[in-house]
């Protein structure tokens, strides 16, 4: 017999979706675009409480007709049925939570497919839901395993079978269960960010770029922050569900206070590490605000882009000038005569009465026989050849077509195609004392890939440069979410992030993840300011450069297995 009525299940499912939507809003609220770490923790804590409630109810469920030991044994479900029921219940709630969270996070994909791609609105809605539903499976499995293996539920079973069985203190029970929850949840986050090229947009840790756990970024990165947040909220939720005395509650409060104090100390360590930056450099970031539906149209957007960016690149006075992704929207061989040569001459030597200047420009490169790349060209005095960076992490459906999905791409009227992939660890653009590491569009979403450039400390980047064009997704939270992602990368590596975009957010982010200058979104203009590069290496940069994310995979898997083995020793 079910431990829940259909009405109770419907209520639990609705609460799971609502908690997921809460986590989506926490990443960038629709009113101000700011992340809210506390809201993310509330949403995830609500999920942990829902899952724990289901696990405990299923653990204590007893056959109503059992009047003695023999009839109770006969009424029990067959071996393996109860874990399957638990897994299924957790799977359903975890999937609903993640569906609400992910749909609420990247609903703006609808804009690119419908508004700019011409895909019928119902099909665009279904496509967004299908993507969110597929990615939600990672979290559904994690939630199902948590409910099936939760130590707290198995202790409840033991207490039900034997009232005199010794039990661990409530804080220990909550600690074990919370560690299992955090480990499984982080494994799901890692899987979403890695498997099938990875799409970790909106990972829970990004909500903490301004929170008390932000100092952990230099040590464990966004996934490590997500683990700590998941553990803490699960611990609080699970502890609150048990009976405990005042003395133990005081101990738990001191534990939480100690954790917050520890993160404060880590923040002081970060301030000390970044105390000796390189000399400031002036930078000009160009934001053309070319309408997305005209950007690649030869008679309108292309002419507008070539005229405006060409003029600003010629007239800029900053030491470093950066134009965004595909600022020049055509191949160099398709440019008007003398256009590219003029830029080479402009940045090839210092102008009279002016300091030398350099430029990074987003431009597609290649030809039909060798293929095309989404690239950045770097121009500076004294070069034997222009610097070149080719995008490594390509966008599915945008820059490469996954197998079996060509039919879907053909439904949309968007200039898509298969691009060649650049190498993982490409050299930085050396300019004066700086080593500038470009990344294009959502490449800054993959911190472990940016870390590959830190393998040789002597050649490690002193600053990141993100060149983007997310005008495909409208003027909404996609811009704010991407800004938070860039800020988290700045915190992890303690490197400034210079963002040049077509429509926003064009910004200068310092090594502490703080936005020091920002151009108003959807405006045309040049953002000028200074940044300070850094040469020290954070612990996160060191271990991800060597092992990528494998230490997190191993630690979370080992922790989950440890909890499972504890269940076998002490539970059913």
Foldseek 3Di string as FASTA:
>chain_A
DDLDDPVRLVVLLVLLLVLLLQLLCQLANFPGGAHALVSNLVSLLSLLLSLVVRLQSLLLDFDPPDDDPVVRVVPDDDPPPSLVVLLVSQLSSQLSNQLSNQCSNVVLQLLLCVVQFVFPSVVSNVVSSVVSSVLSNLRSNLRSLLSSQQLLSQVSNVCSVPVPDDDDALLVSLQLSLLSSLLSNLLSLVCQQPPPLHDNQSPSLLSCCPPLQVLCLQAARSSVSSSVSSSVSSSVSSSVVDDDDPVVVVVVVVVVVVVSVVSVVSVVVVCVQCVDFADKFKEKFFAALQQPNCCQPVVPNQVSLLVPVLVCLLPDQGQEYEAFFPSNVAEPVPDPPPSVVVSLVSQQDADPPGDHHKYKYFHKYDDDVVFIFGKIWIHHHPDPDIDIDGAASDDDLAADDDPPCPVVNVSTDDPGDHGDHTDQQDAFDDDDPFGEAEHEACPLLQLLSLLLNPLDLVRRGQAYEYHYEPCSSPDTSVQSSSLSSQLSSLSNFLHWYQYHYHFDFGFIAGSSSHTPWTDDGSDGDMTMDIYTTHRDGRNSSVVSNPVNCVVSNVVSVVSNVVSSVVCVVRGD
